[in-house]
Protein backbone atom coordinates (compact mmCIF):
# COMPACT_ATOMS: atom_id res chain seq x y z
CA MET A 1 27.64 -2.55 30.10
CA THR A 2 24.85 -5.09 30.54
CA SER A 3 24.39 -8.00 28.19
CA GLN A 4 21.25 -6.24 26.93
CA GLY A 5 23.33 -3.13 26.17
CA SER A 6 26.00 -5.08 24.35
CA ALA A 7 23.33 -6.88 22.30
CA LEU A 8 21.98 -3.51 21.21
CA VAL A 9 25.48 -2.31 20.32
CA ARG A 10 26.04 -5.44 18.21
CA PHE A 11 22.66 -4.90 16.55
CA ASP A 12 23.49 -1.24 15.78
CA ARG A 13 26.80 -2.28 14.22
CA ALA A 14 25.13 -5.02 12.19
CA VAL A 15 22.55 -2.57 10.84
CA GLN A 16 25.36 -0.23 9.78
CA THR A 17 26.93 -3.04 7.71
CA GLY A 18 23.71 -3.56 5.78
CA ASN A 19 24.33 -7.32 5.84
CA PRO A 20 20.95 -8.99 6.42
CA ASN A 21 22.45 -12.15 7.88
CA LEU A 22 24.40 -10.20 10.49
CA VAL A 23 21.37 -8.01 11.26
CA ILE A 24 19.05 -10.97 11.80
CA ALA A 25 21.63 -12.83 13.90
CA ALA A 26 22.14 -9.74 16.07
CA ALA A 27 18.38 -9.19 16.31
CA HIS A 28 18.00 -12.67 17.81
CA GLU A 29 20.09 -11.47 20.74
CA LEU A 30 17.79 -8.51 21.48
CA PRO A 31 15.20 -8.74 24.25
CA ARG A 32 11.83 -10.02 23.11
CA PRO A 33 9.64 -8.75 21.70
CA VAL A 34 11.86 -6.75 19.38
CA LEU A 35 10.90 -3.09 19.59
CA LEU A 36 9.03 -1.62 16.64
CA ARG A 37 11.92 0.76 15.94
CA ASP A 38 14.36 -2.15 15.69
CA ALA A 39 11.95 -4.11 13.48
CA ARG A 40 11.84 -1.08 11.17
CA ARG A 41 15.62 -1.02 10.97
CA ILE A 42 15.69 -4.73 10.09
CA LEU A 43 13.03 -4.12 7.46
CA LEU A 44 15.02 -1.36 5.76
CA VAL A 45 18.12 -3.55 5.57
CA LEU A 46 16.03 -6.31 3.99
CA ALA A 47 14.45 -3.85 1.53
CA VAL A 48 17.89 -3.23 0.04
CA ALA A 49 19.80 -6.44 0.61
CA ASP A 50 17.35 -9.36 0.78
CA GLN A 51 14.05 -8.83 -0.96
CA GLY A 52 13.19 -12.51 -0.53
CA ARG A 53 12.92 -11.97 3.21
CA TYR A 54 11.50 -8.47 2.87
CA ALA A 55 7.87 -9.35 2.04
CA PRO A 56 7.14 -11.45 5.15
CA ALA A 57 9.05 -8.98 7.32
CA ALA A 58 7.06 -6.08 5.84
CA ALA A 59 3.80 -7.90 6.54
CA ARG A 60 4.80 -8.48 10.18
CA PHE A 61 6.00 -4.90 10.60
CA GLY A 62 2.85 -3.47 9.04
CA ALA A 63 0.64 -5.64 11.23
CA ARG A 64 2.52 -4.57 14.34
CA LEU A 65 2.33 -0.90 13.39
CA VAL A 66 -1.42 -1.19 12.79
CA ALA A 67 -2.03 -3.05 16.05
CA GLU A 68 0.33 -1.13 18.33
CA ARG A 69 -0.57 2.33 17.05
CA LYS A 70 -4.27 1.54 16.46
CA LEU A 71 -4.36 2.67 12.84
CA SER A 72 -7.66 2.95 10.98
CA VAL A 73 -8.42 0.69 8.01
CA ALA A 74 -7.54 3.49 5.57
CA GLU A 75 -4.26 4.16 7.38
CA ALA A 76 -3.47 0.44 7.40
CA GLN A 77 -4.05 0.26 3.65
CA LEU A 78 -1.71 3.18 3.12
CA VAL A 79 0.98 1.60 5.31
CA PHE A 80 0.83 -1.72 3.44
CA ALA A 81 0.87 0.03 0.05
CA ALA A 82 3.89 2.07 1.15
CA LEU A 83 5.67 -1.04 2.39
CA GLN A 84 5.06 -2.73 -0.95
CA ILE A 85 6.71 0.13 -2.83
CA LEU A 86 9.65 0.61 -0.46
CA PRO A 87 12.06 -2.03 -1.84
CA GLY A 88 11.53 -0.95 -5.46
CA SER A 89 13.69 1.21 -7.64
CA ASP A 90 11.79 4.37 -6.60
CA PRO A 91 11.00 4.06 -2.89
CA LEU A 92 10.40 7.78 -2.33
CA VAL A 93 6.60 7.85 -2.64
CA GLY A 94 6.12 4.83 -0.39
CA GLY A 95 8.74 6.09 2.03
CA GLU A 96 7.15 9.52 2.31
CA ALA A 97 3.71 8.02 2.93
CA LEU A 98 5.15 5.74 5.60
CA CYS A 99 6.94 8.71 7.19
CA VAL A 100 3.64 10.56 7.48
CA MET A 101 1.98 7.56 9.16
CA LEU A 102 4.89 7.14 11.55
CA GLU A 103 4.85 10.82 12.51
CA GLN A 104 1.09 10.92 12.97
CA HIS A 105 1.24 7.94 15.30
CA GLY A 106 4.03 8.95 17.63
CA GLU A 107 6.98 7.40 15.81
CA ARG A 108 8.83 10.64 15.04
CA ASP A 109 12.27 9.07 15.47
CA GLY A 110 11.19 6.31 13.10
CA ALA A 111 10.09 8.85 10.53
CA ARG A 112 13.42 10.69 10.78
CA TYR A 113 15.35 7.42 10.44
CA LEU A 114 13.29 6.52 7.36
CA GLU A 115 13.86 9.98 5.84
CA GLU A 116 17.62 9.54 6.27
CA TRP A 117 17.40 6.08 4.71
CA LEU A 118 15.50 7.52 1.74
CA LYS A 119 18.10 10.26 1.27
CA ALA A 120 20.90 7.69 1.33
CA ARG A 121 19.09 5.59 -1.29
CA ASP A 122 18.56 8.65 -3.48
CA SER A 123 22.26 9.50 -3.63
């Protein structure tokens, strides 16, 4: 396995722990720039475990999503509103809106991952 592959394995394991410190440390080993899908996974860990770091991470993720997927102003507003709601006690509405945006802009795997995350939070 290449060092890049082992970095991804360590990142996957860190995400599964839900420990934001481990996730961020493992993310620093990933090739740059971090892929949008990996940034989303970091963001979801922070939404649950470190809301102090969540807000700036959500702003960066939202900006990347808008820029990389060329979202309209209305879509960008929806994404940022959804991201604001996501770490709250009822993330479903924000999560569903974000899932729609991800699906509409070619991030189907991201939408599925987010749906699974929402289901896990609901239980």
